């Protein structure tokens, strides 16, 4: 087990782009992996995993290395040295790693690991907010679970394949998967692999979608032949799942504020063979008004803090600001107020977020049900998913039914 100079240099360059130039980790990693065509899968694995690890544990490693932001290159090397020592790598005799104090690093790790906000490597404000909203014991467990790397979950596209068929196709490529109990369309990868390069992906036999996210379409109880509206479709993971549950029968309207996201969804839908989807950009309030009381089912996959998906977006810990959470709660209330009017009497609405904060979830629903618009809805049920209980993303879903007119 030894460190290779070109892989480590790429890692340092990538960390500089994320920490000092404000770039997103997933984009930086994707770029880094294209750097050298000679790299094998283990080389690429090292680069991707090391970048994500240092991003995930940024505060802990910086405290151990005794460096402060903004990090210069020397600081980044010191943080990398902390990572290498804690992972058990022999430190090579490179100029940048001269004098790495291995015993001191291990000692400081033991000492600093007693403080939750440093051990779990999160900003002070996030730790305070988590305790306030979930309580000390629950937050301690949840933030530890959110720091475990995310598993890769596939959702079979039932318009084109079955779970069993997909599993055997992947097995032929030495990609091993397991079924997930109680989830009809999910396969879990035993080891990370670049599934996007497979013919099965290019032919639209599956999408990559977390297990928690896969629960939403079924929770909304979409059926073939219905008129369904996905109000915050984005790039459309849940839209595509609904299309497959509807067996391409009925009308599925995918809406978003951003045309670029709907363009992505169009490409994915084509690959998936999902052709009952219509696309509408929300560029004026008229777009919503035209649909008032017209839909059997409405999904509001609301914008949120994303505090339930830190395991797959560790750099969000550093990019997220407390003001953003305050503002997003106002947006959530507006979205519920405006988009709920699309549901026809007797129809159903699901409000979903990838947050674990009650103030973005059950409290939003409680507040909505007390408004004039909300009084025409009945609360049916809710599901709160925590990473510490499932090992998957933190998620929230509430199902409401619009009262039938008397």
Protein backbone atom coordinates (compact mmCIF):
# COMPACT_ATOMS: atom_id res chain seq x y z
CA UNK A 1 0.00 0.00 0.00
CA UNK A 2 1.91 3.04 -1.18
CA UNK A 3 1.11 6.54 -2.41
CA UNK A 4 1.62 7.44 -6.07
CA UNK A 5 2.81 10.95 -6.78
CA UNK A 6 0.63 11.71 -9.83
CA UNK A 7 -2.55 10.54 -8.04
CA UNK A 8 -1.76 12.60 -4.94
CA UNK A 9 -0.94 15.73 -7.00
CA UNK A 10 -4.32 15.43 -8.75
CA UNK A 11 -5.99 15.08 -5.34
CA UNK A 12 -4.27 18.23 -4.02
CA UNK A 13 -5.22 20.22 -7.15
CA UNK A 14 -8.82 19.06 -6.78
CA UNK A 15 -9.01 20.00 -3.09
CA UNK A 16 -7.69 23.45 -3.98
CA UNK A 17 -10.51 23.87 -6.54
CA UNK A 18 -13.17 22.80 -4.00
CA UNK A 19 -11.93 24.66 -0.91
CA UNK A 20 -10.43 27.80 -2.45
CA UNK A 21 -12.29 28.28 -5.74
CA UNK A 22 -15.79 27.31 -4.62
CA UNK A 23 -16.24 24.50 -7.14
CA UNK A 24 -18.59 21.57 -6.46
CA UNK A 25 -16.92 18.32 -5.42
CA UNK A 26 -18.81 16.09 -7.88
CA UNK A 27 -17.79 18.27 -10.86
CA UNK A 28 -14.16 18.44 -9.68
CA UNK A 29 -13.99 14.67 -9.17
CA UNK A 30 -15.50 14.01 -12.64
CA UNK A 31 -12.84 16.27 -14.18
CA UNK A 32 -10.02 14.70 -12.16
CA UNK A 33 -10.97 11.20 -13.31
CA UNK A 34 -10.48 12.19 -16.94
CA UNK A 35 -6.97 13.51 -16.33
CA UNK A 36 -4.97 10.44 -17.30
CA UNK A 37 -6.27 7.76 -19.66
CA UNK A 38 -3.63 5.32 -18.39
CA UNK A 39 -5.16 5.16 -14.91
CA UNK A 40 -6.79 1.87 -14.00
CA UNK A 41 -9.95 1.49 -11.93
CA UNK A 42 -7.99 1.33 -8.65
CA UNK A 43 -6.21 4.62 -9.51
CA UNK A 44 -9.49 6.36 -10.24
CA UNK A 45 -11.03 4.89 -7.10
CA UNK A 46 -8.15 6.27 -5.02
CA UNK A 47 -8.51 9.78 -6.48
CA UNK A 48 -12.32 9.96 -6.12
CA UNK A 49 -12.48 8.47 -2.65
CA UNK A 50 -9.57 10.49 -1.27
CA UNK A 51 -10.99 13.80 -2.51
CA UNK A 52 -14.38 13.01 -0.97
CA UNK A 53 -12.80 11.82 2.29
CA UNK A 54 -10.79 15.02 2.78
CA UNK A 55 -13.85 17.13 1.89
CA UNK A 56 -16.00 15.12 4.32
CA UNK A 57 -13.53 15.48 7.20
CA UNK A 58 -12.26 18.96 6.33
CA UNK A 59 -12.74 20.50 9.78
CA UNK A 60 -11.30 17.53 11.67
CA UNK A 61 -8.23 17.29 9.42
CA UNK A 62 -7.63 21.07 9.48
CA UNK A 63 -7.81 21.11 13.30
CA UNK A 64 -5.40 18.16 13.55
CA UNK A 65 -3.03 19.75 11.00
CA UNK A 66 -3.38 23.14 12.77
CA UNK A 67 -4.20 25.01 9.55
CA UNK A 68 -6.86 27.66 8.90
CA UNK A 69 -8.82 28.72 5.82
CA UNK A 70 -8.10 29.94 3.22
CA UNK A 71 -5.76 26.96 2.76
CA UNK A 72 -2.55 27.44 0.80
CA UNK A 73 -0.96 24.45 -0.96
CA UNK A 74 1.25 23.70 2.04
CA UNK A 75 -1.88 23.56 4.23
CA UNK A 76 -3.54 21.15 1.79
CA UNK A 77 -0.49 18.89 1.91
CA UNK A 78 -0.62 18.93 5.71
CA UNK A 79 -4.31 17.94 5.63
CA UNK A 80 -3.51 15.21 3.12
CA UNK A 81 -0.75 13.97 5.45
CA UNK A 82 -3.33 13.69 8.25
CA UNK A 83 -5.58 11.63 5.96
CA UNK A 84 -2.67 9.34 4.98
CA UNK A 85 -1.51 8.77 8.58
CA UNK A 86 -5.05 8.03 9.82
CA UNK A 87 -5.58 5.63 6.88
CA UNK A 88 -2.33 3.79 7.69
CA UNK A 89 -0.32 4.75 4.57
CA UNK A 90 3.48 4.79 4.93
CA UNK A 91 4.57 8.42 4.40
CA UNK A 92 6.92 8.63 1.38
CA UNK A 93 10.06 10.80 1.45
CA UNK A 94 8.61 13.57 -0.73
CA UNK A 95 9.54 17.18 -0.07
CA UNK A 96 5.90 18.16 0.65
CA UNK A 97 5.51 15.46 3.32
CA UNK A 98 8.85 15.97 5.10
CA UNK A 99 8.59 15.98 8.87
CA UNK A 100 5.01 14.64 9.02
CA UNK A 101 4.45 14.24 12.82
CA UNK A 102 2.72 10.83 12.80
CA UNK A 103 2.48 10.35 16.57
CA UNK A 104 1.20 13.88 17.11
CA UNK A 105 -1.46 13.41 14.39
CA UNK A 106 -2.76 10.23 16.06
CA UNK A 107 -2.71 11.90 19.48
CA UNK A 108 -4.63 14.97 18.28
CA UNK A 109 -7.14 12.72 16.51
CA UNK A 110 -7.89 10.89 19.79
CA UNK A 111 -8.17 14.17 21.67
CA UNK A 112 -10.32 16.08 19.13
CA UNK A 113 -12.62 13.10 18.49
CA UNK A 114 -14.20 13.75 21.90
CA UNK A 115 -15.84 16.95 20.56
CA UNK A 116 -18.85 16.13 18.33
CA UNK A 117 -18.70 19.13 15.98
CA UNK A 118 -15.00 18.44 15.29
CA UNK A 119 -15.31 14.63 15.27
CA UNK A 120 -18.20 14.81 12.77
CA UNK A 121 -16.51 17.71 10.97
CA UNK A 122 -19.37 20.21 10.75
CA UNK A 123 -19.68 23.99 11.28
CA UNK A 124 -20.71 25.20 14.77
CA UNK A 125 -24.05 26.59 13.52
CA UNK A 126 -25.02 23.24 11.95
CA UNK A 127 -24.27 21.37 15.17
CA UNK A 128 -26.36 23.85 17.18
CA UNK A 129 -29.25 23.63 14.70
CA UNK A 130 -29.19 19.81 14.71
CA UNK A 131 -29.34 19.68 18.52
CA UNK A 132 -32.14 22.28 18.60
CA UNK A 133 -34.29 20.45 16.03
CA UNK A 134 -33.61 16.76 16.78
CA UNK A 135 -32.29 16.74 20.34
CA UNK A 136 -28.78 15.83 21.46
CA UNK A 137 -29.03 12.01 21.32
CA UNK A 138 -30.79 11.75 17.94
CA UNK A 139 -28.59 14.39 16.28
CA UNK A 140 -25.41 12.67 17.54
CA UNK A 141 -26.48 9.40 15.87
CA UNK A 142 -27.81 11.03 12.70
CA UNK A 143 -24.80 13.21 11.90
CA UNK A 144 -22.51 10.18 12.43
CA UNK A 145 -24.65 8.21 9.93
CA UNK A 146 -24.58 11.14 7.48
CA UNK A 147 -20.78 10.93 7.48
CA UNK A 148 -20.77 7.35 6.16
CA UNK A 149 -20.23 7.22 2.38
CA UNK A 150 -23.42 6.61 0.40
CA UNK A 151 -24.08 3.26 -1.24
CA UNK A 152 -24.87 3.17 -4.96
CA UNK A 153 -28.53 2.20 -5.49
CA UNK A 154 -30.03 1.44 -8.87
CA UNK A 155 -33.72 1.67 -9.77
CA UNK A 156 -34.70 -0.73 -12.52
CA UNK A 157 -36.74 0.89 -15.28
CA UNK A 158 -39.75 -1.43 -15.41
CA UNK A 159 -40.73 -0.02 -18.82
CA UNK A 160 -37.76 -1.92 -20.25
CA UNK A 161 -36.55 -4.57 -17.81
CA UNK A 162 -37.05 -6.47 -14.58
CA UNK A 163 -34.94 -6.45 -11.45
CA UNK A 164 -33.90 -10.08 -12.00
CA UNK A 165 -32.93 -9.47 -15.64
CA UNK A 166 -30.88 -6.37 -14.76
CA UNK A 167 -29.14 -8.19 -11.95
CA UNK A 168 -27.99 -11.00 -14.26
CA UNK A 169 -26.85 -8.56 -16.99
CA UNK A 170 -24.70 -6.73 -14.43
CA UNK A 171 -23.42 -10.01 -13.00
CA UNK A 172 -22.03 -10.83 -16.48
CA UNK A 173 -19.96 -7.62 -16.16
CA UNK A 174 -18.74 -8.67 -12.68
CA UNK A 175 -20.93 -5.98 -11.06
CA UNK A 176 -22.58 -7.67 -8.09
CA UNK A 177 -25.87 -6.37 -6.71
CA UNK A 178 -28.32 -7.30 -3.96
CA UNK A 179 -32.09 -6.91 -3.77
CA UNK A 180 -33.40 -4.50 -1.18
CA UNK A 181 -36.05 -5.81 1.18
CA UNK A 182 -39.47 -4.13 0.74
CA UNK A 183 -38.34 -2.11 -2.32
CA UNK A 184 -39.63 -3.61 -5.53
CA UNK A 185 -37.42 -1.70 -8.00
CA UNK A 186 -34.11 -1.32 -6.12
CA UNK A 187 -30.72 -3.00 -6.52
CA UNK A 188 -27.78 -2.18 -4.22
CA UNK A 189 -24.23 -2.37 -5.59
CA UNK A 190 -21.99 -4.52 -3.37
CA UNK A 191 -18.99 -2.43 -4.45
CA UNK A 192 -18.82 0.94 -6.19
CA UNK A 193 -18.52 0.68 -9.98
CA UNK A 194 -18.98 3.08 -12.88
CA UNK A 195 -22.35 1.74 -13.98
CA UNK A 196 -22.83 4.67 -16.39
CA UNK A 197 -20.42 3.03 -18.85
CA UNK A 198 -22.54 -0.13 -19.17
CA UNK A 199 -24.77 -0.89 -22.16
CA UNK A 200 -27.59 -1.56 -19.69
CA UNK A 201 -27.45 2.11 -18.61
CA UNK A 202 -27.11 3.44 -22.17
CA UNK A 203 -30.17 1.40 -23.16
CA UNK A 204 -32.19 2.90 -20.29
CA UNK A 205 -32.63 -0.25 -18.21
CA UNK A 206 -31.94 1.60 -14.95
CA UNK A 207 -31.28 4.91 -13.23
CA UNK A 208 -29.12 5.61 -10.19
CA UNK A 209 -31.50 6.74 -7.42
CA UNK A 210 -31.17 6.49 -3.64
CA UNK A 211 -33.44 4.00 -1.86
CA UNK A 212 -35.21 6.75 0.12
CA UNK A 213 -35.95 8.75 -3.03
CA UNK A 214 -37.39 5.60 -4.63
CA UNK A 215 -40.15 5.49 -1.99
CA UNK A 216 -41.74 8.78 -3.09
CA UNK A 217 -43.54 7.73 -6.30
CA UNK A 218 -45.22 4.76 -4.61
CA UNK A 219 -46.17 6.96 -1.62
CA UNK A 220 -48.05 9.25 -4.03
CA UNK A 221 -49.99 6.20 -5.30
CA UNK A 222 -49.75 7.07 -9.00
CA UNK A 223 -51.73 4.77 -11.34
CA UNK A 224 -51.79 4.26 -15.12
CA UNK A 225 -54.14 6.67 -16.89
CA UNK A 226 -53.98 9.44 -14.28
CA UNK A 227 -53.02 13.07 -14.78
CA UNK A 228 -49.98 13.58 -12.56
CA UNK A 229 -47.98 16.80 -12.04
CA UNK A 230 -44.39 16.86 -10.77
CA UNK A 231 -44.08 20.53 -9.80
CA UNK A 232 -40.34 20.63 -8.99
CA UNK A 233 -39.14 17.98 -11.43
CA UNK A 234 -35.49 19.03 -11.71
CA UNK A 235 -33.52 16.48 -13.73
CA UNK A 236 -36.37 14.09 -13.08
CA UNK A 237 -35.37 10.99 -11.08
CA UNK A 238 -38.80 10.80 -9.46
CA UNK A 239 -40.58 11.84 -12.68
CA UNK A 240 -39.08 8.86 -14.50
CA UNK A 241 -40.05 6.52 -11.66
CA UNK A 242 -43.65 7.78 -11.86
CA UNK A 243 -43.66 7.30 -15.66
CA UNK A 244 -42.69 3.64 -15.19
CA UNK A 245 -45.33 3.11 -12.46
CA UNK A 246 -47.89 4.66 -14.83
CA UNK A 247 -46.72 2.22 -17.56
CA UNK A 248 -46.56 5.21 -19.95
CA UNK A 249 -50.37 5.55 -19.70
CA UNK A 250 -51.95 8.86 -18.76
CA UNK A 251 -50.38 12.30 -18.63
CA UNK A 252 -47.33 13.22 -16.57
CA UNK A 253 -46.51 16.93 -16.51
CA UNK A 254 -42.94 17.75 -15.44
CA UNK A 255 -42.48 21.36 -14.36
CA UNK A 256 -39.46 23.34 -13.24
CA UNK A 257 -38.18 26.90 -13.05
CA UNK A 258 -35.08 25.96 -15.01
CA UNK A 259 -35.17 24.99 -18.67
CA UNK A 260 -31.69 23.40 -18.43
CA UNK A 261 -32.97 20.82 -15.93
CA UNK A 262 -35.96 19.92 -18.10
CA UNK A 263 -33.59 19.48 -21.08
CA UNK A 264 -31.64 16.94 -19.01
CA UNK A 265 -34.90 15.20 -18.12
CA UNK A 266 -35.90 15.01 -21.81
CA UNK A 267 -32.65 13.18 -22.62
CA UNK A 268 -33.11 10.78 -19.70
CA UNK A 269 -36.77 10.17 -20.64
CA UNK A 270 -35.78 9.30 -24.20
CA UNK A 271 -33.22 6.79 -22.93
CA UNK A 272 -35.82 5.38 -20.51
CA UNK A 273 -38.51 5.04 -23.19
CA UNK A 274 -40.83 7.23 -21.09
CA UNK A 275 -43.10 9.03 -23.56
CA UNK A 276 -46.10 10.14 -21.48
CA UNK A 277 -44.19 13.18 -20.11
CA UNK A 278 -44.96 16.80 -20.99
CA UNK A 279 -42.49 19.55 -20.09
CA UNK A 280 -43.46 23.00 -18.82
CA UNK A 281 -41.17 25.78 -17.62
CA UNK A 282 -42.67 27.82 -14.76
CA UNK A 283 -41.88 31.23 -16.24
CA UNK A 284 -45.14 32.95 -15.17
CA UNK A 285 -47.88 32.31 -12.59
CA UNK A 286 -50.22 31.50 -15.50
CA UNK A 287 -48.49 28.15 -15.98
CA UNK A 288 -49.70 27.08 -12.52
CA UNK A 289 -53.13 28.75 -12.76
CA UNK A 290 -53.95 26.85 -15.96
CA UNK A 291 -53.63 23.61 -13.98
CA UNK A 292 -55.73 24.60 -10.94
CA UNK A 293 -57.86 21.63 -9.79
CA UNK A 294 -56.84 19.55 -12.83
CA UNK A 295 -54.52 16.85 -11.39
CA UNK A 296 -55.25 13.49 -9.78
CA UNK A 297 -51.81 13.50 -8.16
CA UNK A 298 -49.31 16.26 -7.42
CA UNK A 299 -45.74 15.86 -6.22
CA UNK A 300 -44.02 18.78 -4.51
CA UNK A 301 -40.40 17.66 -4.18
CA UNK A 302 -39.62 20.90 -2.40
CA UNK A 303 -36.32 22.78 -2.44
CA UNK A 304 -34.65 22.23 0.94
CA UNK A 305 -31.44 22.41 2.98
CA UNK A 306 -30.34 18.95 1.79
CA UNK A 307 -29.32 17.99 5.33
CA UNK A 308 -30.56 14.47 4.66
CA UNK A 309 -28.11 13.87 1.81
CA UNK A 310 -24.78 14.95 3.30
CA UNK A 311 -23.43 11.40 2.82
CA UNK A 312 -23.54 11.91 -0.97
CA UNK A 313 -22.88 15.69 -0.94
CA UNK A 314 -20.25 16.18 1.79
CA UNK A 315 -19.19 19.59 0.44
CA UNK A 316 -22.71 20.89 1.23
CA UNK A 317 -21.54 20.99 4.87
CA UNK A 318 -19.23 23.86 3.90
CA UNK A 319 -21.31 25.54 1.19
CA UNK A 320 -24.59 25.67 3.14
CA UNK A 321 -25.25 28.81 5.21
CA UNK A 322 -27.82 29.33 8.03
CA UNK A 323 -29.47 32.20 6.09
CA UNK A 324 -30.16 29.80 3.21
CA UNK A 325 -32.17 27.53 5.52
CA UNK A 326 -34.22 30.49 6.83
CA UNK A 327 -34.97 31.60 3.26
CA UNK A 328 -35.75 28.11 1.94
CA UNK A 329 -38.45 27.65 4.60
CA UNK A 330 -40.28 30.68 3.19
CA UNK A 331 -39.98 29.20 -0.32
CA UNK A 332 -41.35 25.86 0.93
CA UNK A 333 -44.42 27.59 2.42
CA UNK A 334 -45.04 29.50 -0.86
CA UNK A 335 -44.61 26.38 -2.98
CA UNK A 336 -47.11 24.45 -0.82
CA UNK A 337 -49.59 27.33 -0.98
CA UNK A 338 -49.36 27.79 -4.76
CA UNK A 339 -48.81 24.29 -6.12
CA UNK A 340 -51.38 22.54 -3.89
CA UNK A 341 -54.11 24.32 -5.88
CA UNK A 342 -53.30 22.03 -8.84
CA UNK A 343 -54.83 19.04 -6.97
CA UNK A 344 -58.43 18.36 -7.93
CA UNK A 345 -61.04 17.52 -5.27
CA UNK A 346 -60.49 13.90 -4.20
CA UNK A 347 -56.91 14.02 -5.55
CA UNK A 348 -53.71 13.51 -3.58
CA UNK A 349 -50.59 15.56 -2.89
CA UNK A 350 -47.18 14.52 -1.61
CA UNK A 351 -44.82 17.07 -0.06
CA UNK A 352 -41.27 15.64 0.07
CA UNK A 353 -37.84 16.94 1.08
CA UNK A 354 -34.36 15.45 1.46
CA UNK A 355 -34.04 17.19 4.83
CA UNK A 356 -34.12 15.77 8.35
CA UNK A 357 -35.17 19.03 10.04
CA UNK A 358 -38.72 19.08 11.47
CA UNK A 359 -38.95 22.83 10.66
CA UNK A 360 -38.70 21.98 6.93
CA UNK A 361 -40.93 18.93 7.21
CA UNK A 362 -43.76 18.20 9.62
CA UNK A 363 -43.86 21.80 10.86
CA UNK A 364 -44.31 23.06 7.28
CA UNK A 365 -47.22 20.65 6.80
CA UNK A 366 -48.79 21.64 10.13
CA UNK A 367 -48.50 25.32 9.19
CA UNK A 368 -49.94 24.69 5.69
CA UNK A 369 -52.97 22.80 7.03
CA UNK A 370 -53.85 25.81 9.20
CA UNK A 371 -53.99 28.19 6.17
CA UNK A 372 -57.10 28.94 4.10
CA UNK A 373 -55.79 26.82 1.20
CA UNK A 374 -54.66 24.04 3.53
CA UNK A 375 -58.09 23.71 5.13
CA UNK A 376 -59.34 22.02 1.96
CA UNK A 377 -56.86 19.15 2.57
CA UNK A 378 -56.85 16.20 4.96
CA UNK A 379 -53.61 14.85 6.39
CA UNK A 380 -53.33 11.13 5.49
CA UNK A 381 -49.87 9.98 6.64
CA UNK A 382 -46.18 10.88 6.78
CA UNK A 383 -42.86 9.04 6.67
CA UNK A 384 -39.66 10.30 8.28
CA UNK A 385 -36.50 8.51 7.14
CA UNK A 386 -33.24 8.92 9.05
CA UNK A 387 -29.88 7.72 7.75
CA UNK A 388 -29.02 6.14 11.11
CA UNK A 389 -32.07 3.83 10.82
CA UNK A 390 -31.79 2.83 7.15
CA UNK A 391 -28.23 3.58 6.01
CA UNK A 392 -29.75 5.56 3.12
CA UNK A 393 -30.57 9.26 2.66
CA UNK A 394 -32.56 11.20 5.22
CA UNK A 395 -35.97 12.00 3.77
CA UNK A 396 -39.48 13.20 4.59
CA UNK A 397 -42.80 12.61 2.83
CA UNK A 398 -46.31 13.75 3.76
CA UNK A 399 -49.43 12.57 1.93
CA UNK A 400 -52.44 14.92 1.86
CA UNK A 401 -55.83 14.41 0.21
CA UNK A 402 -57.96 17.22 -1.14
CA UNK A 403 -61.47 17.12 0.27
CA UNK A 404 -64.27 16.38 -2.19
CA UNK A 405 -66.63 19.26 -2.75
CA UNK A 406 -69.96 18.87 -1.01
